[in-house]
């Protein structure tokens, strides 16, 4: 359970992004990713979005440190300054990340004001410049995650033009959230639900640019749905469902990566979390910092509600320990 420290090494784009877990603010922190890695050994995991300003002007280790068990792992960056993004991309490689992803999809007002996220879809030439410079200083892959469009810039032809311009940067991995973003009038939560999903547009992009690796994102909940999308694109990215119902990933390795390993049971996953939890508590963190990510493990199972309720009511209390987690597990019948 080592913590990553900066180290220089050479990487190649050997990542298999057939199944990935989306970067989600306030959700996919290092505790969540360690937990998800116990369920799937092969899924590519992503950090929360980290702004270039946070890495350059604050404590970089706070945002970049991770446990080596989390790999394969990608860092998602938010920013629009080519120089700042280049510096942070080099930091990511030195820290041991396997990929850097540029956020061109976040619709929140806060990031728009700093030219971060989905608003960059109106500036494909700037996105291309950023990606070109980011790739020039590292060996690891640099990828982009974006929407179908924004506001009234929402035709398929405009999406096609965006991809055509950006791919000339040398970037060949596009993660596409199959909704447009409405930057004025909808909250980030509403932007994940209200704009209609248009999976067929993502399929058309793959047909138009067969040389690109196209990953589809948005509203995907089951491995059966993943199988259907994989008939048209190269990979799938799961967001909220992987967080709220994490055990949906239990057969990812077997079904999507042809692994002959046996999935861990829910209880076995939790039992393997115990040493990690003990170490985090010893390092001064609080139990609920970790257990808030575990609440959905027994989703739709007998005792699942009792497990969730016990942790919700007790993990934040002073003195909460690994015994609190064990007591919650006792709510699950054998």
Protein backbone atom coordinates (compact mmCIF):
# COMPACT_ATOMS: atom_id res chain seq x y z
CA UNK A 1 0.00 0.00 0.00
CA UNK A 2 2.73 2.38 -1.00
CA UNK A 3 2.18 6.06 -1.77
CA UNK A 4 3.38 7.25 -5.12
CA UNK A 5 6.28 9.70 -5.23
CA UNK A 6 7.71 11.43 -8.28
CA UNK A 7 9.85 9.12 -10.39
CA UNK A 8 11.01 9.39 -13.97
CA UNK A 9 10.24 6.43 -16.24
CA UNK A 10 9.21 5.77 -19.82
CA UNK A 11 5.61 4.91 -20.59
CA UNK A 12 3.80 3.77 -23.72
CA UNK A 13 0.11 3.83 -24.49
CA UNK A 14 -0.56 0.25 -23.46
CA UNK A 15 -3.75 1.16 -21.60
CA UNK A 16 -6.80 -0.92 -22.43
CA UNK A 17 -9.69 1.53 -22.06
CA UNK A 18 -12.36 -1.01 -22.88
CA UNK A 19 -13.92 -0.15 -19.48
CA UNK A 20 -13.16 3.05 -17.56
CA UNK A 21 -14.57 4.80 -14.50
CA UNK A 22 -15.31 8.47 -15.05
CA UNK A 23 -13.61 11.34 -13.22
CA UNK A 24 -16.23 12.62 -10.76
CA UNK A 25 -15.74 15.66 -8.54
CA UNK A 26 -15.95 14.86 -4.81
CA UNK A 27 -16.33 11.18 -5.62
CA UNK A 28 -13.36 9.52 -7.34
CA UNK A 29 -10.72 10.39 -4.77
CA UNK A 30 -7.91 8.00 -3.86
CA UNK A 31 -10.04 6.06 -1.33
CA UNK A 32 -12.76 5.46 -3.91
CA UNK A 33 -10.22 4.36 -6.50
CA UNK A 34 -8.53 1.90 -4.13
CA UNK A 35 -11.95 0.40 -3.43
CA UNK A 36 -12.85 0.18 -7.12
CA UNK A 37 -9.53 -1.50 -7.89
CA UNK A 38 -10.43 -4.36 -5.55
CA UNK A 39 -13.52 -5.01 -7.68
CA UNK A 40 -11.81 -4.75 -11.07
CA UNK A 41 -8.11 -5.20 -11.73
CA UNK A 42 -8.34 -4.05 -15.35
CA UNK A 43 -10.65 -1.02 -15.44
CA UNK A 44 -8.84 2.24 -16.11
CA UNK A 45 -9.54 4.66 -13.24
CA UNK A 46 -9.56 8.46 -13.37
CA UNK A 47 -8.94 11.07 -10.70
CA UNK A 48 -11.30 13.90 -9.95
CA UNK A 49 -10.58 16.91 -12.14
CA UNK A 50 -7.63 18.86 -10.76
CA UNK A 51 -7.07 22.41 -11.98
CA UNK A 52 -3.65 23.51 -13.13
CA UNK A 53 -3.77 26.34 -10.61
CA UNK A 54 -4.19 23.88 -7.74
CA UNK A 55 -1.10 21.94 -8.80
CA UNK A 56 1.07 24.96 -9.54
CA UNK A 57 0.13 27.20 -6.63
CA UNK A 58 -0.90 24.78 -3.88
CA UNK A 59 0.42 21.54 -2.39
CA UNK A 60 0.81 19.31 -5.44
CA UNK A 61 1.22 16.16 -3.36
CA UNK A 62 -2.21 16.68 -1.84
CA UNK A 63 -3.74 16.30 -5.30
CA UNK A 64 -1.30 13.90 -6.95
CA UNK A 65 -0.39 11.28 -4.34
CA UNK A 66 -2.01 7.90 -4.82
CA UNK A 67 -1.53 4.27 -3.85
CA UNK A 68 0.38 2.21 -6.39
CA UNK A 69 -2.41 -0.38 -6.28
CA UNK A 70 -4.68 2.10 -8.10
CA UNK A 71 -2.89 1.78 -11.47
CA UNK A 72 -3.79 1.86 -14.31
CA UNK A 73 -4.67 5.44 -13.38
CA UNK A 74 -5.22 8.67 -15.30
CA UNK A 75 -5.06 12.25 -14.02
CA UNK A 76 -7.72 14.60 -15.35
CA UNK A 77 -6.62 18.21 -15.65
CA UNK A 78 -8.72 21.35 -15.91
CA UNK A 79 -7.21 24.39 -17.55
CA UNK A 80 -6.78 26.33 -20.78
CA UNK A 81 -3.25 27.75 -20.57
CA UNK A 82 -1.00 25.64 -22.81
CA UNK A 83 2.04 26.42 -20.69
CA UNK A 84 0.33 25.59 -17.39
CA UNK A 85 -1.15 22.38 -18.78
CA UNK A 86 2.25 21.37 -20.15
CA UNK A 87 3.89 21.87 -16.76
CA UNK A 88 1.20 19.86 -14.97
CA UNK A 89 1.31 17.07 -17.55
CA UNK A 90 5.02 16.66 -16.93
CA UNK A 91 4.32 16.57 -13.19
CA UNK A 92 1.78 13.80 -13.76
CA UNK A 93 4.24 11.62 -15.65
CA UNK A 94 6.92 12.19 -13.02
CA UNK A 95 4.39 11.20 -10.34
CA UNK A 96 3.68 7.87 -12.04
CA UNK A 97 0.33 8.42 -13.77
CA UNK A 98 -0.43 6.32 -16.84
CA UNK A 99 -2.39 8.99 -18.73
CA UNK A 100 -3.34 12.66 -18.58
CA UNK A 101 -6.84 13.69 -19.68
CA UNK A 102 -7.93 17.24 -20.53
CA UNK A 103 -11.40 18.20 -19.28
CA UNK A 104 -13.48 19.80 -22.04
CA UNK A 105 -16.81 18.67 -20.60
CA UNK A 106 -17.44 20.14 -17.14
CA UNK A 107 -20.39 22.60 -17.34
CA UNK A 108 -20.18 24.38 -13.98
CA UNK A 109 -20.21 28.20 -13.81
CA UNK A 110 -17.10 28.23 -11.65
CA UNK A 111 -14.90 26.53 -14.22
CA UNK A 112 -16.44 28.45 -17.15
CA UNK A 113 -15.27 31.70 -15.59
CA UNK A 114 -11.71 30.35 -15.73
CA UNK A 115 -12.01 28.95 -19.27
CA UNK A 116 -12.08 25.38 -18.02
CA UNK A 117 -14.32 22.55 -19.12
CA UNK A 118 -17.15 22.47 -21.65
CA UNK A 119 -16.84 26.12 -22.68
CA UNK A 120 -13.59 25.12 -24.44
CA UNK A 121 -15.67 23.33 -27.08
CA UNK A 122 -16.14 26.79 -28.61
CA UNK A 123 -12.35 27.02 -29.00
CA UNK A 124 -11.14 23.84 -30.73
CA UNK A 125 -7.94 25.48 -31.96
CA UNK A 126 -6.98 26.33 -28.37
CA UNK A 127 -7.80 22.78 -27.25
CA UNK A 128 -5.59 21.44 -30.04
CA UNK A 129 -2.74 23.76 -29.04
CA UNK A 130 -3.01 22.65 -25.41
CA UNK A 131 -3.02 18.96 -26.30
CA UNK A 132 -0.11 19.34 -28.73
CA UNK A 133 2.09 21.02 -26.12
CA UNK A 134 1.05 18.57 -23.40
CA UNK A 135 2.06 15.62 -25.58
CA UNK A 136 5.39 17.21 -26.47
CA UNK A 137 6.83 16.83 -22.95
CA UNK A 138 5.73 13.31 -21.97
CA UNK A 139 5.71 9.71 -23.14
CA UNK A 140 2.37 8.82 -21.55
CA UNK A 141 -0.83 9.29 -23.58
CA UNK A 142 -2.67 12.61 -23.41
CA UNK A 143 -6.42 12.31 -24.04
CA UNK A 144 -9.47 14.56 -24.13
CA UNK A 145 -12.97 14.24 -22.64
CA UNK A 146 -15.69 16.42 -24.11
CA UNK A 147 -19.42 16.81 -24.81
CA UNK A 148 -21.37 16.61 -28.06
CA UNK A 149 -21.61 20.38 -28.07
CA UNK A 150 -22.64 23.39 -26.00
CA UNK A 151 -25.73 25.62 -26.04
CA UNK A 152 -26.59 26.42 -29.68
CA UNK A 153 -23.34 24.92 -30.96
CA UNK A 154 -24.97 21.53 -31.00
CA UNK A 155 -25.08 20.14 -34.53
CA UNK A 156 -23.36 16.94 -35.56
CA UNK A 157 -21.40 18.95 -38.13
CA UNK A 158 -19.97 21.16 -35.36
CA UNK A 159 -19.02 18.08 -33.32
CA UNK A 160 -17.31 16.59 -36.37
CA UNK A 161 -15.39 19.83 -36.92
CA UNK A 162 -14.29 19.91 -33.26
CA UNK A 163 -12.89 16.37 -33.47
CA UNK A 164 -11.27 17.06 -36.84
CA UNK A 165 -9.41 20.10 -35.53
CA UNK A 166 -8.41 18.56 -32.20
CA UNK A 167 -7.12 15.29 -33.67
CA UNK A 168 -4.53 17.24 -35.64
CA UNK A 169 -2.82 17.91 -32.30
CA UNK A 170 -1.77 14.26 -32.30
CA UNK A 171 -4.34 13.30 -29.67
CA UNK A 172 -5.96 10.02 -30.72
CA UNK A 173 -8.16 9.15 -27.72
CA UNK A 174 -11.49 10.97 -27.44
CA UNK A 175 -13.84 10.28 -24.52
CA UNK A 176 -17.23 11.62 -25.54
CA UNK A 177 -20.08 12.30 -23.12
CA UNK A 178 -23.07 11.67 -25.38
CA UNK A 179 -24.96 14.80 -24.28
CA UNK A 180 -24.48 18.44 -25.05
CA UNK A 181 -23.93 20.89 -22.17
CA UNK A 182 -26.24 23.83 -21.58
CA UNK A 183 -23.98 26.39 -19.97
CA UNK A 184 -26.63 28.94 -19.09
CA UNK A 185 -29.63 27.86 -17.07
CA UNK A 186 -28.78 24.30 -16.03
CA UNK A 187 -26.80 23.15 -13.00
CA UNK A 188 -24.02 20.57 -13.38
CA UNK A 189 -26.41 17.92 -12.01
CA UNK A 190 -29.11 18.91 -14.51
CA UNK A 191 -26.53 18.80 -17.28
CA UNK A 192 -25.96 15.14 -16.46
CA UNK A 193 -29.66 14.36 -16.83
CA UNK A 194 -31.68 16.81 -18.95
CA UNK A 195 -29.89 17.13 -22.33
CA UNK A 196 -30.86 14.01 -24.30
CA UNK A 197 -28.38 11.23 -24.89
CA UNK A 198 -27.36 10.81 -28.53
CA UNK A 199 -25.26 7.67 -28.60
CA UNK A 200 -25.61 7.43 -32.37
CA UNK A 201 -23.57 10.64 -32.77
CA UNK A 202 -20.66 9.01 -30.95
CA UNK A 203 -20.99 5.96 -33.19
CA UNK A 204 -20.89 8.26 -36.24
CA UNK A 205 -17.70 9.91 -34.99
CA UNK A 206 -16.08 6.49 -34.75
CA UNK A 207 -17.20 5.71 -38.30
CA UNK A 208 -15.89 9.06 -39.54
CA UNK A 209 -12.54 8.73 -37.74
CA UNK A 210 -11.81 4.98 -37.55
CA UNK A 211 -8.17 5.67 -36.67
CA UNK A 212 -9.19 7.32 -33.38
CA UNK A 213 -9.91 5.51 -30.11
CA UNK A 214 -13.44 6.54 -29.17
CA UNK A 215 -14.77 6.00 -25.65
CA UNK A 216 -18.49 6.55 -25.00
CA UNK A 217 -19.84 8.02 -21.74
CA UNK A 218 -23.23 8.98 -20.38
CA UNK A 219 -26.12 7.10 -18.76
CA UNK A 220 -24.60 3.61 -19.04
CA UNK A 221 -25.64 1.33 -16.18
CA UNK A 222 -25.02 -2.34 -17.01
CA UNK A 223 -22.44 -4.61 -18.58
CA UNK A 224 -25.06 -5.69 -21.12
CA UNK A 225 -25.26 -2.05 -22.24
CA UNK A 226 -21.45 -1.96 -22.37
CA UNK A 227 -21.48 -4.98 -24.68
CA UNK A 228 -23.90 -3.20 -27.01
CA UNK A 229 -21.83 0.01 -27.13
CA UNK A 230 -18.65 -1.96 -27.74
CA UNK A 231 -20.12 -3.15 -31.02
CA UNK A 232 -19.75 0.46 -32.23
CA UNK A 233 -16.91 2.10 -30.26
CA UNK A 234 -13.64 1.15 -28.59
CA UNK A 235 -14.51 1.59 -24.94
CA UNK A 236 -17.10 2.64 -22.38
CA UNK A 237 -16.84 5.02 -19.45
CA UNK A 238 -19.21 4.52 -16.50
CA UNK A 239 -19.93 7.37 -14.09
CA UNK A 240 -22.59 7.49 -11.40
CA UNK A 241 -23.59 3.83 -11.64
CA UNK A 242 -20.04 2.71 -10.83
CA UNK A 243 -20.15 4.90 -7.73
CA UNK A 244 -23.67 4.22 -6.50
CA UNK A 245 -23.67 0.52 -7.38
CA UNK A 246 -19.96 -0.35 -7.48
CA UNK A 247 -20.43 -4.10 -7.55
CA UNK A 248 -21.82 -3.76 -11.09
CA UNK A 249 -18.11 -3.89 -12.00
CA UNK A 250 -17.58 -7.33 -10.45
CA UNK A 251 -17.57 -9.15 -13.81
CA UNK A 252 -15.79 -6.47 -15.85
CA UNK A 253 -12.51 -8.38 -15.91
CA UNK A 254 -14.14 -11.64 -16.99
CA UNK A 255 -16.64 -10.25 -19.54
CA UNK A 256 -14.70 -7.38 -21.08
CA UNK A 257 -11.05 -8.36 -20.56
CA UNK A 258 -11.30 -12.17 -20.91
CA UNK A 259 -9.80 -12.73 -17.46
CA UNK A 260 -10.09 -16.19 -15.97
CA UNK A 261 -9.98 -14.84 -12.40
CA UNK A 262 -12.93 -15.27 -10.05
CA UNK A 263 -14.64 -12.07 -8.88
CA UNK A 264 -14.39 -11.30 -5.17
CA UNK A 265 -17.64 -11.48 -3.26
CA UNK A 266 -18.97 -8.26 -1.78
CA UNK A 267 -17.90 -9.35 1.69
CA UNK A 268 -14.43 -10.30 0.45
CA UNK A 269 -14.04 -6.85 -1.11
CA UNK A 270 -14.92 -5.24 2.21
CA UNK A 271 -12.60 -7.52 4.14
CA UNK A 272 -9.75 -6.59 1.80
CA UNK A 273 -10.48 -2.92 2.50
CA UNK A 274 -9.85 -3.35 6.24
CA UNK A 275 -6.02 -3.09 6.18
CA UNK A 276 -6.29 -0.01 3.97
CA UNK A 277 -8.79 1.58 6.36
CA UNK A 278 -6.53 0.84 9.33
CA UNK A 279 -3.60 2.52 7.56
CA UNK A 280 -5.66 5.59 6.69
CA UNK A 281 -6.80 5.94 10.30
CA UNK A 282 -3.20 5.57 11.47
CA UNK A 283 -2.27 8.40 9.07
CA UNK A 284 -4.77 10.69 10.76
CA UNK A 285 -7.73 10.43 8.41
CA UNK A 286 -11.30 9.87 9.57
CA UNK A 287 -13.27 6.71 8.96
CA UNK A 288 -16.05 8.40 6.99
CA UNK A 289 -13.47 9.77 4.51
CA UNK A 290 -13.18 6.18 3.27
CA UNK A 291 -16.52 4.59 4.14
CA UNK A 292 -18.63 7.17 2.29
CA UNK A 293 -17.47 5.42 -0.88
CA UNK A 294 -18.51 1.98 0.37
CA UNK A 295 -22.18 2.73 1.03
CA UNK A 296 -23.42 1.24 -2.25
CA UNK A 297 -21.47 -2.03 -2.03
CA UNK A 298 -24.50 -4.02 -0.91
CA UNK A 299 -26.93 -2.22 -3.22
CA UNK A 300 -30.19 -4.25 -3.57
CA UNK A 301 -28.85 -6.99 -1.27
CA UNK A 302 -30.37 -8.32 1.94
CA UNK A 303 -29.10 -6.18 4.79
CA UNK A 304 -27.83 -3.52 2.39
CA UNK A 305 -29.98 -0.74 3.83
CA UNK A 306 -28.95 -1.62 7.38
CA UNK A 307 -25.29 -1.64 6.34
CA UNK A 308 -25.64 1.76 4.73
CA UNK A 309 -27.60 3.24 7.62
CA UNK A 310 -25.14 1.99 10.25
CA UNK A 311 -22.16 3.51 8.45
CA UNK A 312 -23.99 6.75 7.72
CA UNK A 313 -24.94 7.16 11.37
CA UNK A 314 -21.66 6.06 12.97
CA UNK A 315 -18.62 6.46 10.69
CA UNK A 316 -18.39 10.22 11.29
CA UNK A 317 -18.40 9.95 15.09
CA UNK A 318 -15.25 10.66 17.12
CA UNK A 319 -13.38 7.44 17.73
CA UNK A 320 -14.99 5.59 14.83
CA UNK A 321 -12.62 2.78 13.88
CA UNK A 322 -12.27 -0.29 11.73
CA UNK A 323 -14.52 -2.01 14.29
CA UNK A 324 -17.29 0.33 13.16
CA UNK A 325 -16.90 -1.01 9.65
CA UNK A 326 -16.89 -4.58 10.91
CA UNK A 327 -20.07 -3.91 12.87
CA UNK A 328 -21.72 -2.55 9.72
CA UNK A 329 -20.70 -5.75 7.91
CA UNK A 330 -22.46 -7.77 10.61
CA UNK A 331 -25.71 -6.26 9.29
CA UNK A 332 -25.30 -8.40 6.17
CA UNK A 333 -26.73 -11.92 6.65
CA UNK A 334 -24.54 -14.91 5.79
